[in-house]
């Protein structure tokens, strides 16, 4: 690896370590080449997110996002030189040469952030899924391009589908965790049908639930939905090699534990951001590296497959 490319990856890994603690816990379990590629994907994705979340006006955000899409087109066309002044572009271009990364997923991410910029809201879960597939399901599919599947893995033709579903599970957990912060910023992601069902159409930026609302009922309803997505998405684990599976299990495990905390105390998300201490994240990472989750999924999925054939 040339010095400019090595420096570009170092920059992306620094961005990842500083700004994505949960993600960083997972990718540190990967071998160096996959860890570098995942850092490059994260750094590019972070750039897109930062444009959407920044203080620019809507026209300027549109312009910046389309400029980023043009950069992605250059990367896809292998038109970024090693001595380019943009380290994220250099690293991602190198990663795309080394791994079969479906870079169209980053176009989907840009589409999802444009939905944020326009202030779109979602009436039904099916509507919200479109957004979640853009901003998170696409990341799952991009990551699978780095991980790959094991030769002869059972059901590998559905690996992309499971990666997408796992991304949806992570994003719905994020939405629950950030309810108050998003509402304070004028954003509401949960489907309006669900909000109305539990009397929670307004007031989610407050540290206490709205009068007459069944906020706990709303949260438990969405938690059950997220758990179902995790169950389906976890079918990906037995298809991955040990260290890639450990990475996925660690990241997903951290979010499942966040979901457990939110379920136990739904109103905690109105008081502040729910998080896990570092020691608990480390435990989840070790558990992932042990292969426990992958073995558990294998034991539960195989009998189901047998039942479907009989």
Foldseek 3Di string as FASTA:
>chain_A
DDPLLVVLLVVLLVCCVVPPVLLNLLLVLDPPLLSSLLSLVVVLLVVLVCLLPDDDALVVSVVVLVVSVVLLVCLVVLNDDSPDPNSSSNSNSVSVVVWVFPSVLVVLLNVLSNCSSVQDEAADVVRLLSSLLNNFLSSLSRSCRSFPFDPPQPPVVCLSVLSSLLRSLLVLLVLLLQQLVQVVVVHHHPHPNLCVVFVQNDDLVALDGPPNGPQLVSLVVSLVVSVVSCLSSLLNLLGTPLSSSLSSQLSSVQSNVSSVVCNVPVSVSNVHGRHDDPVVSNVSSVCSNVCVSVVVSVVVVVVVVVVVVD
